[in-house]
Full PDB file with SEQRES, HELIX, SHEET, SSBOND, CRYST1, ORIGX, SCALE, CONECT and MASTER records, all heavy atoms in Angstrom:
SEQRES   1 A   33  ASP VAL LEU LEU HIS ASP TYR GLU ALA TRP HIS TYR PRO          
SEQRES   2 A   33  LEU ASN TYR PHE HIS LEU ALA ALA ARG ARG VAL SER ASP          
SEQRES   3 A   33  ARG PHE GLU ARG HIS CYS LYS                                  
HELIX    1 AA1 TYR A    7  ASN A   15  1                                   9    
HELIX    2 AA2 ARG A   22  CYS A   32  1                                  11    
CRYST1    1.000    1.000    1.000  90.00  90.00  90.00 P 1           1          
ORIGX1      1.000000  0.000000  0.000000        0.00000                         
ORIGX2      0.000000  1.000000  0.000000        0.00000                         
ORIGX3      0.000000  0.000000  1.000000        0.00000                         
SCALE1      1.000000  0.000000  0.000000        0.00000                         
SCALE2      0.000000  1.000000  0.000000        0.00000                         
SCALE3      0.000000  0.000000  1.000000        0.00000                         
ATOM      1  N   ASP A   1      34.862 -35.693 -11.493  1.00  0.00           N  
ATOM      2  CA  ASP A   1      34.155 -34.365 -11.542  1.00  0.00           C  
ATOM      3  C   ASP A   1      34.805 -33.358 -10.577  1.00  0.00           C  
ATOM      4  O   ASP A   1      34.269 -32.253 -10.552  1.00  0.00           O  
ATOM      5  CB  ASP A   1      32.682 -34.575 -11.168  1.00  0.00           C  
ATOM      6  CG  ASP A   1      31.907 -35.361 -12.186  1.00  0.00           C  
ATOM      7  OD1 ASP A   1      32.339 -35.405 -13.398  1.00  0.00           O  
ATOM      8  OD2 ASP A   1      30.833 -35.879 -11.793  1.00  0.00           O  
ATOM      9  N   VAL A   2      35.838 -33.798  -9.906  1.00  0.00           N  
ATOM     10  CA  VAL A   2      36.453 -32.981  -8.790  1.00  0.00           C  
ATOM     11  C   VAL A   2      37.842 -32.564  -9.087  1.00  0.00           C  
ATOM     12  O   VAL A   2      38.677 -33.352  -9.634  1.00  0.00           O  
ATOM     13  CB  VAL A   2      36.363 -33.779  -7.549  1.00  0.00           C  
ATOM     14  CG1 VAL A   2      36.985 -32.996  -6.352  1.00  0.00           C  
ATOM     15  CG2 VAL A   2      35.004 -34.218  -7.169  1.00  0.00           C  
ATOM     16  N   LEU A   3      38.173 -31.300  -8.753  1.00  0.00           N  
ATOM     17  CA  LEU A   3      39.526 -30.782  -8.706  1.00  0.00           C  
ATOM     18  C   LEU A   3      39.935 -30.381  -7.380  1.00  0.00           C  
ATOM     19  O   LEU A   3      39.248 -29.567  -6.660  1.00  0.00           O  
ATOM     20  CB  LEU A   3      39.638 -29.596  -9.693  1.00  0.00           C  
ATOM     21  CG  LEU A   3      41.054 -28.993  -9.922  1.00  0.00           C  
ATOM     22  CD1 LEU A   3      42.015 -30.058 -10.437  1.00  0.00           C  
ATOM     23  CD2 LEU A   3      40.999 -27.754 -10.787  1.00  0.00           C  
ATOM     24  N   LEU A   4      41.014 -31.031  -6.877  1.00  0.00           N  
ATOM     25  CA  LEU A   4      41.533 -30.760  -5.546  1.00  0.00           C  
ATOM     26  C   LEU A   4      42.640 -29.651  -5.557  1.00  0.00           C  
ATOM     27  O   LEU A   4      43.368 -29.602  -6.524  1.00  0.00           O  
ATOM     28  CB  LEU A   4      42.099 -32.039  -4.918  1.00  0.00           C  
ATOM     29  CG  LEU A   4      41.159 -33.157  -4.724  1.00  0.00           C  
ATOM     30  CD1 LEU A   4      41.862 -34.393  -4.108  1.00  0.00           C  
ATOM     31  CD2 LEU A   4      39.913 -32.776  -3.843  1.00  0.00           C  
ATOM     32  N   HIS A   5      42.668 -28.915  -4.477  1.00  0.00           N  
ATOM     33  CA  HIS A   5      43.805 -27.948  -4.326  1.00  0.00           C  
ATOM     34  C   HIS A   5      44.029 -27.571  -2.916  1.00  0.00           C  
ATOM     35  O   HIS A   5      43.163 -27.641  -2.076  1.00  0.00           O  
ATOM     36  CB  HIS A   5      43.531 -26.613  -5.189  1.00  0.00           C  
ATOM     37  CG  HIS A   5      42.068 -26.297  -5.359  1.00  0.00           C  
ATOM     38  ND1 HIS A   5      41.379 -25.443  -4.488  1.00  0.00           N  
ATOM     39  CD2 HIS A   5      41.213 -26.745  -6.235  1.00  0.00           C  
ATOM     40  CE1 HIS A   5      40.134 -25.303  -4.879  1.00  0.00           C  
ATOM     41  NE2 HIS A   5      39.935 -26.165  -5.943  1.00  0.00           N  
ATOM     42  N   ASP A   6      45.192 -27.150  -2.654  1.00  0.00           N  
ATOM     43  CA  ASP A   6      45.688 -26.851  -1.277  1.00  0.00           C  
ATOM     44  C   ASP A   6      44.971 -25.552  -0.774  1.00  0.00           C  
ATOM     45  O   ASP A   6      45.009 -24.519  -1.471  1.00  0.00           O  
ATOM     46  CB  ASP A   6      47.242 -26.654  -1.300  1.00  0.00           C  
ATOM     47  CG  ASP A   6      47.750 -26.390   0.103  1.00  0.00           C  
ATOM     48  OD1 ASP A   6      47.747 -25.157   0.510  1.00  0.00           O  
ATOM     49  OD2 ASP A   6      48.151 -27.366   0.781  1.00  0.00           O  
ATOM     50  N   TYR A   7      44.433 -25.640   0.433  1.00  0.00           N  
ATOM     51  CA  TYR A   7      43.742 -24.522   0.994  1.00  0.00           C  
ATOM     52  C   TYR A   7      44.614 -23.276   1.187  1.00  0.00           C  
ATOM     53  O   TYR A   7      44.290 -22.156   0.823  1.00  0.00           O  
ATOM     54  CB  TYR A   7      43.148 -24.871   2.326  1.00  0.00           C  
ATOM     55  CG  TYR A   7      42.536 -23.784   3.129  1.00  0.00           C  
ATOM     56  CD1 TYR A   7      41.330 -23.150   2.764  1.00  0.00           C  
ATOM     57  CD2 TYR A   7      43.158 -23.335   4.282  1.00  0.00           C  
ATOM     58  CE1 TYR A   7      40.816 -22.107   3.465  1.00  0.00           C  
ATOM     59  CE2 TYR A   7      42.682 -22.336   5.043  1.00  0.00           C  
ATOM     60  CZ  TYR A   7      41.452 -21.665   4.658  1.00  0.00           C  
ATOM     61  OH  TYR A   7      40.944 -20.620   5.400  1.00  0.00           O  
ATOM     62  N   GLU A   8      45.816 -23.508   1.773  1.00  0.00           N  
ATOM     63  CA  GLU A   8      46.696 -22.297   2.069  1.00  0.00           C  
ATOM     64  C   GLU A   8      47.142 -21.741   0.735  1.00  0.00           C  
ATOM     65  O   GLU A   8      47.176 -20.490   0.575  1.00  0.00           O  
ATOM     66  CB  GLU A   8      47.895 -22.809   2.894  1.00  0.00           C  
ATOM     67  CG  GLU A   8      48.698 -21.685   3.382  1.00  0.00           C  
ATOM     68  CD  GLU A   8      49.807 -22.134   4.388  1.00  0.00           C  
ATOM     69  OE1 GLU A   8      49.759 -23.300   4.796  1.00  0.00           O  
ATOM     70  OE2 GLU A   8      50.601 -21.269   4.794  1.00  0.00           O  
ATOM     71  N   ALA A   9      47.513 -22.542  -0.207  1.00  0.00           N  
ATOM     72  CA  ALA A   9      48.025 -22.070  -1.451  1.00  0.00           C  
ATOM     73  C   ALA A   9      47.022 -21.259  -2.326  1.00  0.00           C  
ATOM     74  O   ALA A   9      47.283 -20.347  -3.039  1.00  0.00           O  
ATOM     75  CB  ALA A   9      48.576 -23.209  -2.252  1.00  0.00           C  
ATOM     76  N   TRP A  10      45.757 -21.637  -2.046  1.00  0.00           N  
ATOM     77  CA  TRP A  10      44.614 -20.917  -2.837  1.00  0.00           C  
ATOM     78  C   TRP A  10      44.646 -19.377  -2.464  1.00  0.00           C  
ATOM     79  O   TRP A  10      44.226 -18.563  -3.322  1.00  0.00           O  
ATOM     80  CB  TRP A  10      43.293 -21.490  -2.513  1.00  0.00           C  
ATOM     81  CG  TRP A  10      42.083 -20.682  -2.909  1.00  0.00           C  
ATOM     82  CD1 TRP A  10      41.207 -20.082  -2.039  1.00  0.00           C  
ATOM     83  CD2 TRP A  10      41.695 -20.219  -4.151  1.00  0.00           C  
ATOM     84  NE1 TRP A  10      40.228 -19.426  -2.696  1.00  0.00           N  
ATOM     85  CE2 TRP A  10      40.483 -19.508  -4.098  1.00  0.00           C  
ATOM     86  CE3 TRP A  10      42.256 -20.438  -5.457  1.00  0.00           C  
ATOM     87  CZ2 TRP A  10      39.886 -18.885  -5.135  1.00  0.00           C  
ATOM     88  CZ3 TRP A  10      41.605 -19.883  -6.549  1.00  0.00           C  
ATOM     89  CH2 TRP A  10      40.423 -19.177  -6.363  1.00  0.00           C  
ATOM     90  N   HIS A  11      45.161 -19.046  -1.293  1.00  0.00           N  
ATOM     91  CA  HIS A  11      45.130 -17.617  -0.972  1.00  0.00           C  
ATOM     92  C   HIS A  11      46.069 -16.812  -1.791  1.00  0.00           C  
ATOM     93  O   HIS A  11      45.938 -15.540  -1.852  1.00  0.00           O  
ATOM     94  CB  HIS A  11      45.380 -17.459   0.513  1.00  0.00           C  
ATOM     95  CG  HIS A  11      44.232 -17.865   1.391  1.00  0.00           C  
ATOM     96  ND1 HIS A  11      44.028 -19.209   1.612  1.00  0.00           N  
ATOM     97  CD2 HIS A  11      43.283 -17.175   1.991  1.00  0.00           C  
ATOM     98  CE1 HIS A  11      42.951 -19.335   2.389  1.00  0.00           C  
ATOM     99  NE2 HIS A  11      42.493 -18.177   2.617  1.00  0.00           N  
ATOM    100  N   TYR A  12      47.034 -17.412  -2.495  1.00  0.00           N  
ATOM    101  CA  TYR A  12      47.916 -16.700  -3.400  1.00  0.00           C  
ATOM    102  C   TYR A  12      47.182 -16.197  -4.603  1.00  0.00           C  
ATOM    103  O   TYR A  12      47.281 -15.038  -5.038  1.00  0.00           O  
ATOM    104  CB  TYR A  12      49.149 -17.602  -3.755  1.00  0.00           C  
ATOM    105  CG  TYR A  12      50.111 -17.687  -2.602  1.00  0.00           C  
ATOM    106  CD1 TYR A  12      49.834 -18.397  -1.443  1.00  0.00           C  
ATOM    107  CD2 TYR A  12      51.392 -17.042  -2.652  1.00  0.00           C  
ATOM    108  CE1 TYR A  12      50.636 -18.459  -0.391  1.00  0.00           C  
ATOM    109  CE2 TYR A  12      52.285 -17.034  -1.618  1.00  0.00           C  
ATOM    110  CZ  TYR A  12      51.914 -17.750  -0.481  1.00  0.00           C  
ATOM    111  OH  TYR A  12      52.814 -17.800   0.601  1.00  0.00           O  
ATOM    112  N   PRO A  13      46.532 -17.099  -5.417  1.00  0.00           N  
ATOM    113  CA  PRO A  13      45.678 -16.466  -6.440  1.00  0.00           C  
ATOM    114  C   PRO A  13      44.651 -15.486  -5.917  1.00  0.00           C  
ATOM    115  O   PRO A  13      44.372 -14.520  -6.538  1.00  0.00           O  
ATOM    116  CB  PRO A  13      45.015 -17.759  -7.061  1.00  0.00           C  
ATOM    117  CG  PRO A  13      45.804 -18.906  -6.699  1.00  0.00           C  
ATOM    118  CD  PRO A  13      46.469 -18.543  -5.339  1.00  0.00           C  
ATOM    119  N   LEU A  14      44.090 -15.774  -4.824  1.00  0.00           N  
ATOM    120  CA  LEU A  14      43.036 -14.948  -4.289  1.00  0.00           C  
ATOM    121  C   LEU A  14      43.465 -13.569  -3.993  1.00  0.00           C  
ATOM    122  O   LEU A  14      42.743 -12.541  -4.039  1.00  0.00           O  
ATOM    123  CB  LEU A  14      42.480 -15.578  -2.991  1.00  0.00           C  
ATOM    124  CG  LEU A  14      40.998 -15.142  -2.617  1.00  0.00           C  
ATOM    125  CD1 LEU A  14      39.985 -15.445  -3.624  1.00  0.00           C  
ATOM    126  CD2 LEU A  14      40.708 -15.959  -1.289  1.00  0.00           C  
ATOM    127  N   ASN A  15      44.770 -13.405  -3.619  1.00  0.00           N  
ATOM    128  CA  ASN A  15      45.371 -12.063  -3.343  1.00  0.00           C  
ATOM    129  C   ASN A  15      46.348 -11.625  -4.528  1.00  0.00           C  
ATOM    130  O   ASN A  15      47.017 -10.609  -4.235  1.00  0.00           O  
ATOM    131  CB  ASN A  15      46.104 -12.165  -2.070  1.00  0.00           C  
ATOM    132  CG  ASN A  15      45.093 -12.311  -0.869  1.00  0.00           C  
ATOM    133  OD1 ASN A  15      44.575 -11.311  -0.447  1.00  0.00           O  
ATOM    134  ND2 ASN A  15      44.980 -13.489  -0.403  1.00  0.00           N  
ATOM    135  N   TYR A  16      46.332 -12.273  -5.530  1.00  0.00           N  
ATOM    136  CA  TYR A  16      47.281 -12.005  -6.662  1.00  0.00           C  
ATOM    137  C   TYR A  16      48.727 -11.958  -6.218  1.00  0.00           C  
ATOM    138  O   TYR A  16      49.483 -11.015  -6.609  1.00  0.00           O  
ATOM    139  CB  TYR A  16      46.865 -10.603  -7.321  1.00  0.00           C  
ATOM    140  CG  TYR A  16      47.483 -10.430  -8.762  1.00  0.00           C  
ATOM    141  CD1 TYR A  16      46.946 -11.140  -9.811  1.00  0.00           C  
ATOM    142  CD2 TYR A  16      48.438  -9.529  -9.033  1.00  0.00           C  
ATOM    143  CE1 TYR A  16      47.473 -11.070 -11.068  1.00  0.00           C  
ATOM    144  CE2 TYR A  16      49.037  -9.410 -10.264  1.00  0.00           C  
ATOM    145  CZ  TYR A  16      48.513 -10.165 -11.286  1.00  0.00           C  
ATOM    146  OH  TYR A  16      49.035  -9.968 -12.582  1.00  0.00           O  
ATOM    147  N   PHE A  17      49.103 -13.020  -5.556  1.00  0.00           N  
ATOM    148  CA  PHE A  17      50.472 -13.186  -5.066  1.00  0.00           C  
ATOM    149  C   PHE A  17      51.157 -14.206  -5.977  1.00  0.00           C  
ATOM    150  O   PHE A  17      50.559 -15.078  -6.547  1.00  0.00           O  
ATOM    151  CB  PHE A  17      50.531 -13.714  -3.706  1.00  0.00           C  
ATOM    152  CG  PHE A  17      50.059 -12.747  -2.559  1.00  0.00           C  
ATOM    153  CD1 PHE A  17      49.787 -13.252  -1.331  1.00  0.00           C  
ATOM    154  CD2 PHE A  17      49.973 -11.394  -2.845  1.00  0.00           C  
ATOM    155  CE1 PHE A  17      49.320 -12.340  -0.297  1.00  0.00           C  
ATOM    156  CE2 PHE A  17      49.510 -10.519  -1.843  1.00  0.00           C  
ATOM    157  CZ  PHE A  17      49.188 -11.014  -0.597  1.00  0.00           C  
ATOM    158  N   HIS A  18      52.449 -14.030  -6.121  1.00  0.00           N  
ATOM    159  CA  HIS A  18      53.321 -15.048  -6.821  1.00  0.00           C  
ATOM    160  C   HIS A  18      53.568 -16.181  -5.945  1.00  0.00           C  
ATOM    161  O   HIS A  18      53.956 -16.066  -4.774  1.00  0.00           O  
ATOM    162  CB  HIS A  18      54.616 -14.329  -7.291  1.00  0.00           C  
ATOM    163  CG  HIS A  18      55.474 -15.202  -8.104  1.00  0.00           C  
ATOM    164  ND1 HIS A  18      56.489 -16.048  -7.574  1.00  0.00           N  
ATOM    165  CD2 HIS A  18      55.453 -15.503  -9.472  1.00  0.00           C  
ATOM    166  CE1 HIS A  18      57.162 -16.671  -8.592  1.00  0.00           C  
ATOM    167  NE2 HIS A  18      56.516 -16.384  -9.665  1.00  0.00           N  
ATOM    168  N   LEU A  19      53.340 -17.413  -6.399  1.00  0.00           N  
ATOM    169  CA  LEU A  19      53.427 -18.546  -5.594  1.00  0.00           C  
ATOM    170  C   LEU A  19      54.659 -19.366  -5.922  1.00  0.00           C  
ATOM    171  O   LEU A  19      54.749 -19.998  -6.932  1.00  0.00           O  
ATOM    172  CB  LEU A  19      52.156 -19.471  -5.752  1.00  0.00           C  
ATOM    173  CG  LEU A  19      52.097 -20.772  -4.918  1.00  0.00           C  
ATOM    174  CD1 LEU A  19      52.338 -20.574  -3.437  1.00  0.00           C  
ATOM    175  CD2 LEU A  19      50.829 -21.502  -5.226  1.00  0.00           C  
ATOM    176  N   ALA A  20      55.609 -19.304  -5.043  1.00  0.00           N  
ATOM    177  CA  ALA A  20      56.896 -20.059  -5.229  1.00  0.00           C  
ATOM    178  C   ALA A  20      57.650 -19.922  -3.866  1.00  0.00           C  
ATOM    179  O   ALA A  20      57.170 -19.257  -2.970  1.00  0.00           O  
ATOM    180  CB  ALA A  20      57.689 -19.467  -6.330  1.00  0.00           C  
ATOM    181  N   ALA A  21      58.829 -20.615  -3.848  1.00  0.00           N  
ATOM    182  CA  ALA A  21      59.668 -20.476  -2.736  1.00  0.00           C  
ATOM    183  C   ALA A  21      60.077 -18.980  -2.587  1.00  0.00           C  
ATOM    184  O   ALA A  21      60.008 -18.225  -3.527  1.00  0.00           O  
ATOM    185  CB  ALA A  21      60.986 -21.301  -2.921  1.00  0.00           C  
ATOM    186  N   ARG A  22      60.398 -18.593  -1.339  1.00  0.00           N  
ATOM    187  CA  ARG A  22      60.559 -17.170  -1.058  1.00  0.00           C  
ATOM    188  C   ARG A  22      61.648 -16.550  -1.878  1.00  0.00           C  
ATOM    189  O   ARG A  22      61.422 -15.431  -2.502  1.00  0.00           O  
ATOM    190  CB  ARG A  22      61.012 -16.994   0.425  1.00  0.00           C  
ATOM    191  CG  ARG A  22      61.186 -15.543   0.887  1.00  0.00           C  
ATOM    192  CD  ARG A  22      59.980 -14.727   0.750  1.00  0.00           C  
ATOM    193  NE  ARG A  22      60.256 -13.416   1.172  1.00  0.00           N  
ATOM    194  CZ  ARG A  22      60.005 -12.935   2.462  1.00  0.00           C  
ATOM    195  NH1 ARG A  22      59.659 -13.771   3.365  1.00  0.00           N  
ATOM    196  NH2 ARG A  22      60.185 -11.655   2.730  1.00  0.00           N  
ATOM    197  N   ARG A  23      62.815 -17.240  -2.138  1.00  0.00           N  
ATOM    198  CA  ARG A  23      63.837 -16.667  -2.917  1.00  0.00           C  
ATOM    199  C   ARG A  23      63.401 -16.499  -4.425  1.00  0.00           C  
ATOM    200  O   ARG A  23      63.803 -15.521  -5.054  1.00  0.00           O  
ATOM    201  CB  ARG A  23      65.101 -17.520  -2.906  1.00  0.00           C  
ATOM    202  CG  ARG A  23      64.945 -18.851  -3.514  1.00  0.00           C  
ATOM    203  CD  ARG A  23      66.188 -19.722  -3.339  1.00  0.00           C  
ATOM    204  NE  ARG A  23      66.103 -20.956  -3.939  1.00  0.00           N  
ATOM    205  CZ  ARG A  23      65.458 -22.078  -3.490  1.00  0.00           C  
ATOM    206  NH1 ARG A  23      64.807 -21.982  -2.322  1.00  0.00           N  
ATOM    207  NH2 ARG A  23      65.435 -23.228  -4.131  1.00  0.00           N  
ATOM    208  N   VAL A  24      62.567 -17.393  -4.822  1.00  0.00           N  
ATOM    209  CA  VAL A  24      62.100 -17.286  -6.292  1.00  0.00           C  
ATOM    210  C   VAL A  24      61.107 -16.179  -6.410  1.00  0.00           C  
ATOM    211  O   VAL A  24      61.225 -15.385  -7.376  1.00  0.00           O  
ATOM    212  CB  VAL A  24      61.457 -18.661  -6.707  1.00  0.00           C  
ATOM    213  CG1 VAL A  24      60.880 -18.490  -8.123  1.00  0.00           C  
ATOM    214  CG2 VAL A  24      62.425 -19.751  -6.649  1.00  0.00           C  
ATOM    215  N   SER A  25      60.229 -16.017  -5.491  1.00  0.00           N  
ATOM    216  CA  SER A  25      59.255 -14.918  -5.523  1.00  0.00           C  
ATOM    217  C   SER A  25      59.880 -13.513  -5.410  1.00  0.00           C  
ATOM    218  O   SER A  25      59.587 -12.574  -6.000  1.00  0.00           O  
ATOM    219  CB  SER A  25      58.122 -15.074  -4.536  1.00  0.00           C  
ATOM    220  OG  SER A  25      57.272 -16.163  -4.830  1.00  0.00           O  
ATOM    221  N   ASP A  26      60.979 -13.493  -4.509  1.00  0.00           N  
ATOM    222  CA  ASP A  26      61.648 -12.281  -4.315  1.00  0.00           C  
ATOM    223  C   ASP A  26      62.363 -11.794  -5.561  1.00  0.00           C  
ATOM    224  O   ASP A  26      62.437 -10.667  -6.001  1.00  0.00           O  
ATOM    225  CB  ASP A  26      62.701 -12.384  -3.194  1.00  0.00           C  
ATOM    226  CG  ASP A  26      61.993 -12.385  -1.782  1.00  0.00           C  
ATOM    227  OD1 ASP A  26      60.842 -12.049  -1.781  1.00  0.00           O  
ATOM    228  OD2 ASP A  26      62.721 -12.697  -0.813  1.00  0.00           O  
ATOM    229  N   ARG A  27      62.979 -12.796  -6.274  1.00  0.00           N  
ATOM    230  CA  ARG A  27      63.623 -12.610  -7.518  1.00  0.00           C  
ATOM    231  C   ARG A  27      62.599 -12.091  -8.625  1.00  0.00           C  
ATOM    232  O   ARG A  27      62.928 -11.135  -9.348  1.00  0.00           O  
ATOM    233  CB  ARG A  27      64.318 -13.848  -8.062  1.00  0.00           C  
ATOM    234  CG  ARG A  27      65.228 -13.622  -9.281  1.00  0.00           C  
ATOM    235  CD  ARG A  27      66.152 -14.794  -9.531  1.00  0.00           C  
ATOM    236  NE  ARG A  27      65.424 -16.000  -9.756  1.00  0.00           N  
ATOM    237  CZ  ARG A  27      65.582 -17.111  -8.953  1.00  0.00           C  
ATOM    238  NH1 ARG A  27      66.313 -16.961  -7.907  1.00  0.00           N  
ATOM    239  NH2 ARG A  27      64.916 -18.180  -9.230  1.00  0.00           N  
ATOM    240  N   PHE A  28      61.520 -12.730  -8.649  1.00  0.00           N  
ATOM    241  CA  PHE A  28      60.454 -12.321  -9.597  1.00  0.00           C  
ATOM    242  C   PHE A  28      59.978 -10.901  -9.284  1.00  0.00           C  
ATOM    243  O   PHE A  28      59.788 -10.092 -10.204  1.00  0.00           O  
ATOM    244  CB  PHE A  28      59.302 -13.220  -9.595  1.00  0.00           C  
ATOM    245  CG  PHE A  28      58.207 -12.863 -10.494  1.00  0.00           C  
ATOM    246  CD1 PHE A  28      58.350 -12.957 -11.874  1.00  0.00           C  
ATOM    247  CD2 PHE A  28      57.019 -12.397 -10.019  1.00  0.00           C  
ATOM    248  CE1 PHE A  28      57.290 -12.582 -12.777  1.00  0.00           C  
ATOM    249  CE2 PHE A  28      55.989 -12.130 -10.896  1.00  0.00           C  
ATOM    250  CZ  PHE A  28      56.058 -12.125 -12.221  1.00  0.00           C  
ATOM    251  N   GLU A  29      59.786 -10.542  -8.033  1.00  0.00           N  
ATOM    252  CA  GLU A  29      59.382  -9.256  -7.618  1.00  0.00           C  
ATOM    253  C   GLU A  29      60.362  -8.185  -8.025  1.00  0.00           C  
ATOM    254  O   GLU A  29      60.016  -7.099  -8.583  1.00  0.00           O  
ATOM    255  CB  GLU A  29      59.130  -9.165  -6.112  1.00  0.00           C  
ATOM    256  CG  GLU A  29      58.492  -7.913  -5.641  1.00  0.00           C  
ATOM    257  CD  GLU A  29      58.100  -7.882  -4.150  1.00  0.00           C  
ATOM    258  OE1 GLU A  29      58.175  -9.015  -3.532  1.00  0.00           O  
ATOM    259  OE2 GLU A  29      57.707  -6.901  -3.657  1.00  0.00           O  
ATOM    260  N   ARG A  30      61.642  -8.478  -7.911  1.00  0.00           N  
ATOM    261  CA  ARG A  30      62.728  -7.551  -8.313  1.00  0.00           C  
ATOM    262  C   ARG A  30      62.672  -7.397  -9.887  1.00  0.00           C  
ATOM    263  O   ARG A  30      62.836  -6.255 -10.389  1.00  0.00           O  
ATOM    264  CB  ARG A  30      64.034  -8.061  -7.923  1.00  0.00           C  
ATOM    265  CG  ARG A  30      64.310  -7.950  -6.362  1.00  0.00           C  
ATOM    266  CD  ARG A  30      65.817  -8.099  -6.087  1.00  0.00           C  
ATOM    267  NE  ARG A  30      66.302  -9.437  -6.418  1.00  0.00           N  
ATOM    268  CZ  ARG A  30      66.272 -10.486  -5.613  1.00  0.00           C  
ATOM    269  NH1 ARG A  30      65.797 -10.483  -4.441  1.00  0.00           N  
ATOM    270  NH2 ARG A  30      66.802 -11.688  -6.064  1.00  0.00           N  
ATOM    271  N   HIS A  31      62.380  -8.462 -10.540  1.00  0.00           N  
ATOM    272  CA  HIS A  31      62.304  -8.406 -12.033  1.00  0.00           C  
ATOM    273  C   HIS A  31      61.127  -7.514 -12.476  1.00  0.00           C  
ATOM    274  O   HIS A  31      61.260  -6.676 -13.403  1.00  0.00           O  
ATOM    275  CB  HIS A  31      62.135  -9.807 -12.507  1.00  0.00           C  
ATOM    276  CG  HIS A  31      61.916  -9.801 -14.067  1.00  0.00           C  
ATOM    277  ND1 HIS A  31      62.811  -9.409 -14.992  1.00  0.00           N  
ATOM    278  CD2 HIS A  31      60.885 -10.303 -14.751  1.00  0.00           C  
ATOM    279  CE1 HIS A  31      62.372  -9.559 -16.215  1.00  0.00           C  
ATOM    280  NE2 HIS A  31      61.175 -10.169 -16.096  1.00  0.00           N  
ATOM    281  N   CYS A  32      59.967  -7.649 -11.791  1.00  0.00           N  
ATOM    282  CA  CYS A  32      58.819  -6.757 -12.107  1.00  0.00           C  
ATOM    283  C   CYS A  32      59.151  -5.332 -11.832  1.00  0.00           C  
ATOM    284  O   CYS A  32      58.855  -4.453 -12.635  1.00  0.00           O  
ATOM    285  CB  CYS A  32      57.650  -7.232 -11.222  1.00  0.00           C  
ATOM    286  SG  CYS A  32      56.895  -8.819 -11.610  1.00  0.00           S  
ATOM    287  N   LYS A  33      59.811  -5.058 -10.807  1.00  0.00           N  
ATOM    288  CA  LYS A  33      60.150  -3.683 -10.405  1.00  0.00           C  
ATOM    289  C   LYS A  33      61.109  -3.033 -11.434  1.00  0.00           C  
ATOM    290  O   LYS A  33      60.946  -1.915 -11.910  1.00  0.00           O  
ATOM    291  CB  LYS A  33      60.705  -3.568  -9.007  1.00  0.00           C  
ATOM    292  CG  LYS A  33      61.003  -2.155  -8.512  1.00  0.00           C  
ATOM    293  CD  LYS A  33      61.449  -2.223  -7.067  1.00  0.00           C  
ATOM    294  CE  LYS A  33      61.703  -0.737  -6.533  1.00  0.00           C  
ATOM    295  NZ  LYS A  33      62.127  -0.804  -5.147  1.00  0.00           N  
TER     296      LYS A  33                                                      
MASTER        0    0    0    2    0    0    0    6  295    1    0    3          
END                                                                             
């Protein structure tokens, strides 16, 4: 009945951040721009 998730990582959905290694998120951010 339970779903587990990482506490620190949950703050990425909570703040609408892309969750990945820094270089991957930076590349995605450039793509969005």
